[in-house]
Amino acid sequence: MKRPKAFLNYSHKDRTYLEEFQKYLASFERNGLLELWVATKIAPGQRWFDEIRAGLTSARLAIFLVVASGITADQMIRSLLS
């Protein structure tokens, strides 16, 4: 069975939180229960927007990492609806 792919979105200024959150998901990845897609996987020279779109459209789950210093809930809702 193919493992579900999760798209993880975060603000680059919150990279420390991303790394901490990834520790919690690592066992799911190791055990083949989840494939995590994060923008940090985009290699230099790749088309950023195209890679983000491909990661998002191939995912079955979207996780938005929102911390107090990041985007507000209202801003996120507006960006998703636009």
PDB file of N, CA and C in Angstrom:
ATOM      1  N   MET A   1       0.836  -1.176   0.000  1.00  0.00           N
ATOM      2  CA  MET A   1       0.000   0.000   0.000  1.00  0.00           C
ATOM      3  C   MET A   1       0.889   1.251   0.000  1.00  0.00           C
ATOM      4  N   LYS A   2       0.487   2.212  -0.796  1.00  0.00           N
ATOM      5  CA  LYS A   2       1.247   3.458  -0.891  1.00  0.00           C
ATOM      6  C   LYS A   2       0.975   4.315   0.350  1.00  0.00           C
ATOM      7  N   ARG A   3       2.035   4.816   0.939  1.00  0.00           N
ATOM      8  CA  ARG A   3       1.869   5.632   2.135  1.00  0.00           C
ATOM      9  C   ARG A   3       1.333   7.012   1.777  1.00  0.00           C
ATOM     10  N   PRO A   4       0.483   7.574   2.634  1.00  0.00           N
ATOM     11  CA  PRO A   4      -0.069   8.900   2.348  1.00  0.00           C
ATOM     12  C   PRO A   4       1.009   9.975   2.380  1.00  0.00           C
ATOM     13  N   LYS A   5       0.862  10.928   1.481  1.00  0.00           N
ATOM     14  CA  LYS A   5       1.805  12.032   1.399  1.00  0.00           C
ATOM     15  C   LYS A   5       1.202  13.254   2.083  1.00  0.00           C
ATOM     16  N   ALA A   6       2.000  13.893   2.930  1.00  0.00           N
ATOM     17  CA  ALA A   6       1.565  15.102   3.631  1.00  0.00           C
ATOM     18  C   ALA A   6       2.407  16.279   3.161  1.00  0.00           C
ATOM     19  N   PHE A   7       1.747  17.361   2.827  1.00  0.00           N
ATOM     20  CA  PHE A   7       2.399  18.612   2.433  1.00  0.00           C
ATOM     21  C   PHE A   7       2.481  19.479   3.676  1.00  0.00           C
ATOM     22  N   LEU A   8       3.678  19.872   4.052  1.00  0.00           N
ATOM     23  CA  LEU A   8       3.882  20.686   5.251  1.00  0.00           C
ATOM     24  C   LEU A   8       4.312  22.088   4.849  1.00  0.00           C
ATOM     25  N   ASN A   9       3.498  23.063   5.174  1.00  0.00           N
ATOM     26  CA  ASN A   9       3.768  24.456   4.838  1.00  0.00           C
ATOM     27  C   ASN A   9       4.205  25.210   6.096  1.00  0.00           C
ATOM     28  N   TYR A  10       5.168  26.082   5.950  1.00  0.00           N
ATOM     29  CA  TYR A  10       5.683  26.843   7.089  1.00  0.00           C
ATOM     30  C   TYR A  10       6.316  28.135   6.598  1.00  0.00           C
ATOM     31  N   SER A  11       6.512  29.066   7.505  1.00  0.00           N
ATOM     32  CA  SER A  11       7.221  30.303   7.198  1.00  0.00           C
ATOM     33  C   SER A  11       8.709  30.064   7.426  1.00  0.00           C
ATOM     34  N   HIS A  12       9.539  30.536   6.527  1.00  0.00           N
ATOM     35  CA  HIS A  12      10.981  30.302   6.650  1.00  0.00           C
ATOM     36  C   HIS A  12      11.557  30.876   7.942  1.00  0.00           C
ATOM     37  N   LYS A  13      10.952  31.918   8.474  1.00  0.00           N
ATOM     38  CA  LYS A  13      11.453  32.472   9.733  1.00  0.00           C
ATOM     39  C   LYS A  13      11.146  31.559  10.918  1.00  0.00           C
ATOM     40  N   ASP A  14      10.286  30.564  10.712  1.00  0.00           N
ATOM     41  CA  ASP A  14       9.933  29.608  11.761  1.00  0.00           C
ATOM     42  C   ASP A  14      10.609  28.253  11.557  1.00  0.00           C
ATOM     43  N   ARG A  15      11.734  28.258  10.905  1.00  0.00           N
ATOM     44  CA  ARG A  15      12.430  27.004  10.577  1.00  0.00           C
ATOM     45  C   ARG A  15      12.743  26.169  11.823  1.00  0.00           C
ATOM     46  N   THR A  16      13.043  26.818  12.934  1.00  0.00           N
ATOM     47  CA  THR A  16      13.336  26.078  14.169  1.00  0.00           C
ATOM     48  C   THR A  16      12.121  25.253  14.588  1.00  0.00           C
ATOM     49  N   TYR A  17      10.933  25.837  14.461  1.00  0.00           N
ATOM     50  CA  TYR A  17       9.701  25.117  14.805  1.00  0.00           C
ATOM     51  C   TYR A  17       9.471  23.957  13.833  1.00  0.00           C
ATOM     52  N   LEU A  18       9.781  24.194  12.564  1.00  0.00           N
ATOM     53  CA  LEU A  18       9.652  23.133  11.566  1.00  0.00           C
ATOM     54  C   LEU A  18      10.522  21.944  11.948  1.00  0.00           C
ATOM     55  N   GLU A  19      11.766  22.205  12.270  1.00  0.00           N
ATOM     56  CA  GLU A  19      12.686  21.122  12.610  1.00  0.00           C
ATOM     57  C   GLU A  19      12.219  20.360  13.847  1.00  0.00           C
ATOM     58  N   GLU A  20      11.668  21.076  14.811  1.00  0.00           N
ATOM     59  CA  GLU A  20      11.152  20.428  16.014  1.00  0.00           C
ATOM     60  C   GLU A  20       9.931  19.562  15.673  1.00  0.00           C
ATOM     61  N   PHE A  21       9.030  20.092  14.853  1.00  0.00           N
ATOM     62  CA  PHE A  21       7.825  19.361  14.458  1.00  0.00           C
ATOM     63  C   PHE A  21       8.186  18.105  13.655  1.00  0.00           C
ATOM     64  N   GLN A  22       9.196  18.206  12.804  1.00  0.00           N
ATOM     65  CA  GLN A  22       9.617  17.059  11.997  1.00  0.00           C
ATOM     66  C   GLN A  22      10.115  15.915  12.873  1.00  0.00           C
ATOM     67  N   LYS A  23      10.654  16.223  14.039  1.00  0.00           N
ATOM     68  CA  LYS A  23      11.087  15.166  14.958  1.00  0.00           C
ATOM     69  C   LYS A  23       9.904  14.299  15.379  1.00  0.00           C
ATOM     70  N   TYR A  24       8.740  14.925  15.556  1.00  0.00           N
ATOM     71  CA  TYR A  24       7.547  14.183  15.955  1.00  0.00           C
ATOM     72  C   TYR A  24       7.022  13.291  14.827  1.00  0.00           C
ATOM     73  N   LEU A  25       7.270  13.694  13.597  1.00  0.00           N
ATOM     74  CA  LEU A  25       6.779  12.926  12.449  1.00  0.00           C
ATOM     75  C   LEU A  25       7.786  11.889  11.945  1.00  0.00           C
ATOM     76  N   ALA A  26       9.004  11.952  12.420  1.00  0.00           N
ATOM     77  CA  ALA A  26      10.080  11.095  11.916  1.00  0.00           C
ATOM     78  C   ALA A  26       9.753   9.609  12.050  1.00  0.00           C
ATOM     79  N   SER A  27       9.163   9.195  13.154  1.00  0.00           N
ATOM     80  CA  SER A  27       8.863   7.767  13.323  1.00  0.00           C
ATOM     81  C   SER A  27       7.809   7.297  12.328  1.00  0.00           C
ATOM     82  N   PHE A  28       6.866   8.163  11.978  1.00  0.00           N
ATOM     83  CA  PHE A  28       5.860   7.812  10.967  1.00  0.00           C
ATOM     84  C   PHE A  28       6.530   7.609   9.606  1.00  0.00           C
ATOM     85  N   GLU A  29       7.480   8.471   9.290  1.00  0.00           N
ATOM     86  CA  GLU A  29       8.212   8.337   8.031  1.00  0.00           C
ATOM     87  C   GLU A  29       9.074   7.071   8.036  1.00  0.00           C
ATOM     88  N   ARG A  30       9.818   6.867   9.117  1.00  0.00           N
ATOM     89  CA  ARG A  30      10.691   5.692   9.226  1.00  0.00           C
ATOM     90  C   ARG A  30       9.920   4.382   9.084  1.00  0.00           C
ATOM     91  N   ASN A  31       8.705   4.351   9.630  1.00  0.00           N
ATOM     92  CA  ASN A  31       7.890   3.136   9.589  1.00  0.00           C
ATOM     93  C   ASN A  31       7.026   3.039   8.331  1.00  0.00           C
ATOM     94  N   GLY A  32       7.236   3.958   7.389  1.00  0.00           N
ATOM     95  CA  GLY A  32       6.527   3.901   6.115  1.00  0.00           C
ATOM     96  C   GLY A  32       5.057   4.267   6.199  1.00  0.00           C
ATOM     97  N   LEU A  33       4.669   4.985   7.249  1.00  0.00           N
ATOM     98  CA  LEU A  33       3.269   5.358   7.419  1.00  0.00           C
ATOM     99  C   LEU A  33       2.941   6.721   6.818  1.00  0.00           C
ATOM    100  N   LEU A  34       3.974   7.471   6.479  1.00  0.00           N
ATOM    101  CA  LEU A  34       3.777   8.824   5.987  1.00  0.00           C
ATOM    102  C   LEU A  34       4.967   9.238   5.138  1.00  0.00           C
ATOM    103  N   GLU A  35       4.671   9.943   4.058  1.00  0.00           N
ATOM    104  CA  GLU A  35       5.720  10.587   3.265  1.00  0.00           C
ATOM    105  C   GLU A  35       5.515  12.083   3.425  1.00  0.00           C
ATOM    106  N   LEU A  36       6.485  12.765   3.967  1.00  0.00           N
ATOM    107  CA  LEU A  36       6.364  14.187   4.254  1.00  0.00           C
ATOM    108  C   LEU A  36       7.037  15.005   3.158  1.00  0.00           C
ATOM    109  N   TRP A  37       6.301  15.954   2.603  1.00  0.00           N
ATOM    110  CA  TRP A  37       6.864  16.864   1.609  1.00  0.00           C
ATOM    111  C   TRP A  37       6.989  18.236   2.251  1.00  0.00           C
ATOM    112  N   VAL A  38       8.198  18.781   2.226  1.00  0.00           N
ATOM    113  CA  VAL A  38       8.494  20.100   2.783  1.00  0.00           C
ATOM    114  C   VAL A  38       9.330  20.855   1.750  1.00  0.00           C
ATOM    115  N   ALA A  39       9.157  22.158   1.673  1.00  0.00           N
ATOM    116  CA  ALA A  39       9.880  22.980   0.692  1.00  0.00           C
ATOM    117  C   ALA A  39      11.393  22.867   0.834  1.00  0.00           C
ATOM    118  N   THR A  40      11.874  22.428   1.985  1.00  0.00           N
ATOM    119  CA  THR A  40      13.319  22.265   2.160  1.00  0.00           C
ATOM    120  C   THR A  40      13.876  21.193   1.225  1.00  0.00           C
ATOM    121  N   LYS A  41      12.999  20.403   0.620  1.00  0.00           N
ATOM    122  CA  LYS A  41      13.429  19.360  -0.317  1.00  0.00           C
ATOM    123  C   LYS A  41      13.674  19.902  -1.722  1.00  0.00           C
ATOM    124  N   ILE A  42      13.341  21.167  -1.944  1.00  0.00           N
ATOM    125  CA  ILE A  42      13.548  21.762  -3.265  1.00  0.00           C
ATOM    126  C   ILE A  42      15.041  22.044  -3.437  1.00  0.00           C
ATOM    127  N   ALA A  43      15.606  21.480  -4.468  1.00  0.00           N
ATOM    128  CA  ALA A  43      17.043  21.637  -4.731  1.00  0.00           C
ATOM    129  C   ALA A  43      17.321  22.958  -5.448  1.00  0.00           C
ATOM    130  N   PRO A  44      18.508  23.499  -5.262  1.00  0.00           N
ATOM    131  CA  PRO A  44      18.880  24.721  -5.975  1.00  0.00           C
ATOM    132  C   PRO A  44      18.734  24.512  -7.487  1.00  0.00           C
ATOM    133  N   GLY A  45      18.185  25.502  -8.141  1.00  0.00           N
ATOM    134  CA  GLY A  45      18.011  25.435  -9.586  1.00  0.00           C
ATOM    135  C   GLY A  45      16.638  24.920 -10.008  1.00  0.00           C
ATOM    136  N   GLN A  46      15.910  24.274  -9.090  1.00  0.00           N
ATOM    137  CA  GLN A  46      14.563  23.811  -9.432  1.00  0.00           C
ATOM    138  C   GLN A  46      13.613  25.002  -9.396  1.00  0.00           C
ATOM    139  N   ARG A  47      12.537  24.884 -10.133  1.00  0.00           N
ATOM    140  CA  ARG A  47      11.537  25.952 -10.170  1.00  0.00           C
ATOM    141  C   ARG A  47      10.682  25.859  -8.911  1.00  0.00           C
ATOM    142  N   TRP A  48      10.873  26.818  -8.028  1.00  0.00           N
ATOM    143  CA  TRP A  48      10.255  26.816  -6.709  1.00  0.00           C
ATOM    144  C   TRP A  48       8.742  26.669  -6.786  1.00  0.00           C
ATOM    145  N   PHE A  49       8.077  27.534  -7.561  1.00  0.00           N
ATOM    146  CA  PHE A  49       6.621  27.512  -7.638  1.00  0.00           C
ATOM    147  C   PHE A  49       6.112  26.176  -8.173  1.00  0.00           C
ATOM    148  N   ASP A  50       6.747  25.661  -9.221  1.00  0.00           N
ATOM    149  CA  ASP A  50       6.324  24.377  -9.808  1.00  0.00           C
ATOM    150  C   ASP A  50       6.485  23.233  -8.808  1.00  0.00           C
ATOM    151  N   GLU A  51       7.573  23.245  -8.050  1.00  0.00           N
ATOM    152  CA  GLU A  51       7.810  22.196  -7.063  1.00  0.00           C
ATOM    153  C   GLU A  51       6.791  22.256  -5.921  1.00  0.00           C
ATOM    154  N   ILE A  52       6.483  23.472  -5.473  1.00  0.00           N
ATOM    155  CA  ILE A  52       5.472  23.646  -4.425  1.00  0.00           C
ATOM    156  C   ILE A  52       4.122  23.124  -4.916  1.00  0.00           C
ATOM    157  N   ARG A  53       3.755  23.500  -6.114  1.00  0.00           N
ATOM    158  CA  ARG A  53       2.464  23.055  -6.681  1.00  0.00           C
ATOM    159  C   ARG A  53       2.420  21.541  -6.807  1.00  0.00           C
ATOM    160  N   ALA A  54       3.494  20.940  -7.295  1.00  0.00           N
ATOM    161  CA  ALA A  54       3.536  19.481  -7.433  1.00  0.00           C
ATOM    162  C   ALA A  54       3.438  18.797  -6.070  1.00  0.00           C
ATOM    163  N   GLY A  55       4.133  19.344  -5.081  1.00  0.00           N
ATOM    164  CA  GLY A  55       4.075  18.771  -3.742  1.00  0.00           C
ATOM    165  C   GLY A  55       2.678  18.857  -3.157  1.00  0.00           C
ATOM    166  N   LEU A  56       2.029  19.974  -3.361  1.00  0.00           N
ATOM    167  CA  LEU A  56       0.687  20.178  -2.816  1.00  0.00           C
ATOM    168  C   LEU A  56      -0.356  19.326  -3.532  1.00  0.00           C
ATOM    169  N   THR A  57      -0.287  19.269  -4.848  1.00  0.00           N
ATOM    170  CA  THR A  57      -1.301  18.511  -5.582  1.00  0.00           C
ATOM    171  C   THR A  57      -1.151  16.998  -5.419  1.00  0.00           C
ATOM    172  N   SER A  58       0.038  16.538  -5.084  1.00  0.00           N
ATOM    173  CA  SER A  58       0.223  15.096  -4.908  1.00  0.00           C
ATOM    174  C   SER A  58      -0.046  14.642  -3.471  1.00  0.00           C
ATOM    175  N   ALA A  59      -0.271  15.596  -2.573  1.00  0.00           N
ATOM    176  CA  ALA A  59      -0.488  15.256  -1.159  1.00  0.00           C
ATOM    177  C   ALA A  59      -1.952  14.934  -0.879  1.00  0.00           C
ATOM    178  N   ARG A  60      -2.150  14.056   0.096  1.00  0.00           N
ATOM    179  CA  ARG A  60      -3.504  13.735   0.560  1.00  0.00           C
ATOM    180  C   ARG A  60      -3.844  14.530   1.809  1.00  0.00           C
ATOM    181  N   LEU A  61      -2.835  15.156   2.395  1.00  0.00           N
ATOM    182  CA  LEU A  61      -2.991  15.872   3.652  1.00  0.00           C
ATOM    183  C   LEU A  61      -2.144  17.135   3.598  1.00  0.00           C
ATOM    184  N   ALA A  62      -2.685  18.246   4.091  1.00  0.00           N
ATOM    185  CA  ALA A  62      -1.918  19.494   4.172  1.00  0.00           C
ATOM    186  C   ALA A  62      -1.812  19.904   5.632  1.00  0.00           C
ATOM    187  N   ILE A  63      -0.596  20.191   6.051  1.00  0.00           N
ATOM    188  CA  ILE A  63      -0.338  20.634   7.416  1.00  0.00           C
ATOM    189  C   ILE A  63       0.235  22.036   7.330  1.00  0.00           C
ATOM    190  N   PHE A  64      -0.375  22.984   8.028  1.00  0.00           N
ATOM    191  CA  PHE A  64       0.107  24.352   8.055  1.00  0.00           C
ATOM    192  C   PHE A  64       0.673  24.627   9.438  1.00  0.00           C
ATOM    193  N   LEU A  65       1.960  24.842   9.490  1.00  0.00           N
ATOM    194  CA  LEU A  65       2.634  25.123  10.749  1.00  0.00           C
ATOM    195  C   LEU A  65       2.522  26.620  11.019  1.00  0.00           C
ATOM    196  N   VAL A  66       1.693  26.966  11.986  1.00  0.00           N
ATOM    197  CA  VAL A  66       1.441  28.365  12.307  1.00  0.00           C
ATOM    198  C   VAL A  66       1.860  28.591  13.751  1.00  0.00           C
ATOM    199  N   VAL A  67       2.759  29.524  13.953  1.00  0.00           N
ATOM    200  CA  VAL A  67       3.208  29.875  15.300  1.00  0.00           C
ATOM    201  C   VAL A  67       2.875  31.338  15.556  1.00  0.00           C
ATOM    202  N   ALA A  68       2.945  31.737  16.795  1.00  0.00           N
ATOM    203  CA  ALA A  68       2.554  33.095  17.184  1.00  0.00           C
ATOM    204  C   ALA A  68       3.286  34.165  16.379  1.00  0.00           C
ATOM    205  N   SER A  69       4.539  33.915  16.029  1.00  0.00           N
ATOM    206  CA  SER A  69       5.304  34.917  15.282  1.00  0.00           C
ATOM    207  C   SER A  69       5.009  34.885  13.788  1.00  0.00           C
ATOM    208  N   GLY A  70       4.249  33.908  13.346  1.00  0.00           N
ATOM    209  CA  GLY A  70       3.994  33.737  11.920  1.00  0.00           C
ATOM    210  C   GLY A  70       2.704  34.389  11.457  1.00  0.00           C
ATOM    211  N   ILE A  71       2.148  33.837  10.422  1.00  0.00           N
ATOM    212  CA  ILE A  71       0.933  34.344   9.798  1.00  0.00           C
ATOM    213  C   ILE A  71      -0.261  34.187  10.744  1.00  0.00           C
ATOM    214  N   THR A  72      -1.170  35.128  10.693  1.00  0.00           N
ATOM    215  CA  THR A  72      -2.367  35.022  11.522  1.00  0.00           C
ATOM    216  C   THR A  72      -3.371  34.110  10.835  1.00  0.00           C
ATOM    217  N   ALA A  73      -4.323  33.632  11.592  1.00  0.00           N
ATOM    218  CA  ALA A  73      -5.357  32.750  11.038  1.00  0.00           C
ATOM    219  C   ALA A  73      -6.131  33.453   9.927  1.00  0.00           C
ATOM    220  N   ASP A  74      -6.449  34.743  10.129  1.00  0.00           N
ATOM    221  CA  ASP A  74      -7.173  35.500   9.104  1.00  0.00           C
ATOM    222  C   ASP A  74      -6.374  35.597   7.812  1.00  0.00           C
ATOM    223  N   GLN A  75      -5.061  35.836   7.927  1.00  0.00           N
ATOM    224  CA  GLN A  75      -4.212  35.928   6.739  1.00  0.00           C
ATOM    225  C   GLN A  75      -4.176  34.586   6.012  1.00  0.00           C
ATOM    226  N   MET A  76      -4.109  33.496   6.771  1.00  0.00           N
ATOM    227  CA  MET A  76      -4.058  32.179   6.146  1.00  0.00           C
ATOM    228  C   MET A  76      -5.349  31.883   5.410  1.00  0.00           C
ATOM    229  N   ILE A  77      -6.469  32.171   6.031  1.00  0.00           N
ATOM    230  CA  ILE A  77      -7.766  31.919   5.385  1.00  0.00           C
ATOM    231  C   ILE A  77      -7.886  32.735   4.110  1.00  0.00           C
ATOM    232  N   ARG A  78      -7.488  34.007   4.176  1.00  0.00           N
ATOM    233  CA  ARG A  78      -7.550  34.855   2.976  1.00  0.00           C
ATOM    234  C   ARG A  78      -6.669  34.298   1.857  1.00  0.00           C
ATOM    235  N   SER A  79      -5.466  33.817   2.199  1.00  0.00           N
ATOM    236  CA  SER A  79      -4.561  33.310   1.170  1.00  0.00           C
ATOM    237  C   SER A  79      -5.104  32.013   0.563  1.00  0.00           C
ATOM    238  N   LEU A  80      -5.773  31.203   1.366  1.00  0.00           N
ATOM    239  CA  LEU A  80      -6.336  29.959   0.836  1.00  0.00           C
ATOM    240  C   LEU A  80      -7.524  30.213  -0.064  1.00  0.00           C
ATOM    241  N   LEU A  81      -8.269  31.264   0.213  1.00  0.00           N
ATOM    242  CA  LEU A  81      -9.460  31.575  -0.571  1.00  0.00           C
ATOM    243  C   LEU A  81      -9.164  32.373  -1.831  1.00  0.00           C
ATOM    244  N   SER A  82      -7.969  32.945  -1.925  1.00  0.00           N
ATOM    245  CA  SER A  82      -7.655  33.758  -3.104  1.00  0.00           C
ATOM    246  C   SER A  82      -7.096  32.930  -4.225  1.00  0.00           C
TER     247      SER A  82
END
